[in-house]
Amino acid sequence: MKAILIKQTGGPENLAVAEYDKPRAKEGLVLIKVKAFGINRAELYMRKGEWGETTDIIGIECVGLVEEDPSGEFKKGQKVAAICGGMARIVNGSYAEYTNVPKTNVIALETNLPWDELAAIPETYATAWALLNWGLNVKPNETLLVRGGSSTLGQACIILAKQAGLDVIATTRSGKKSALLQRLGADNVIIDNGEISSQVLLIASGGVDNVIELTGNSTLLDSFKSTKAMGSVCLAGFLGGLKPFESFQPLMQIPSGIRFSVFGSAFGFGDKGFEISKIPLQKIITDIEEKRIPNIYKKTFAFESIAEAHQLVETNDINGKVVVQL
């Protein structure tokens, strides 16, 4: 089969299409013929060598057709999505014509969306739903701060939060992206200079009920300051970089009563308590297909143009999900 391999860690030019042995069906895994996959920031870090060890083939999500399932649960030709489950870390990922994914991380789908538009949904929207419901357990009429709102995950969080009846404050580091966040439903947009808690407190007296922190360590302490007593903060990204805290004293730096959690889809989805089957992905896809909520799909590249796809994502100017279609 054809697969995209990393010649050496570094820039997008190190991604190249090559021949690779087609995987064989194995018990506990579902062999999928890949039709399209979304580009995620995790894969950019993998390509650069900043994500630890990876398998030969990266890629943490895809949509496609079942080629074979030894268990018989999924039928040949059935339309499915696959998310995480050790893809690119334990088993070869989705940057290939075929991938073998743990059955626990495969979801059957019914939809008429084109493959590329469908591929923009699974990982990003599933993670957004998980952050809102597993990371924070949000309720209607609560306030939510989405720190890193112009990222694809941030956009999906805004969309699903508004559908759930929350009042949303979103941040972006670029004033040019304010209108985008407002179109997605953000009630207020703040240009993030790293210290926004005073602005948040002006909008939400006493602080917000919930924070989805996608910028990471560089703004986490300021997000704590933006949160009301007994509020919740979920750390789920590091758009601001991977630099660790030089010194972190939780008892001293997390305000009393703040509930702090973390969620990483690459390490959580499919595990006990975080079963993919609990995520209403079919409903999300149907809502997008029937125009109840928007998709964040933006642009499609051919399989052979993977380097260009990665290069575009790295510019941070695409304002939506980039997809590769086979």
Foldseek 3Di string as FASTA:
>chain_A
DWFWFQCAADALVRTFIDDDDQDDADAQKWKFQFFKAWDDVLVNCVSNVNNPAWDRAAGFKTWGFTCDHPVPPHDGRFTKMFGAQCDRHNFDHDRGRMGIHGPLGIDTADDDDPRFLVNQADPLLLVLVCCCCVVFNDAAAFEEEEEALLPQSNLSNLLVCVVRHYAYEYEDCDPVCPVVSVVQPHPHYDNDPLACLVVLCVVPPQAGQEYEAACPDSNVLNNLSRHHALHEYEYEHRVVDDDDDPDDDCVVRRPPRYHYYYDYRNPDESDVVRGPVVRVSNVVNVCCNVVVHDGQRFEEDESRCSSVQSVVVVVSPRSGIYMYGD
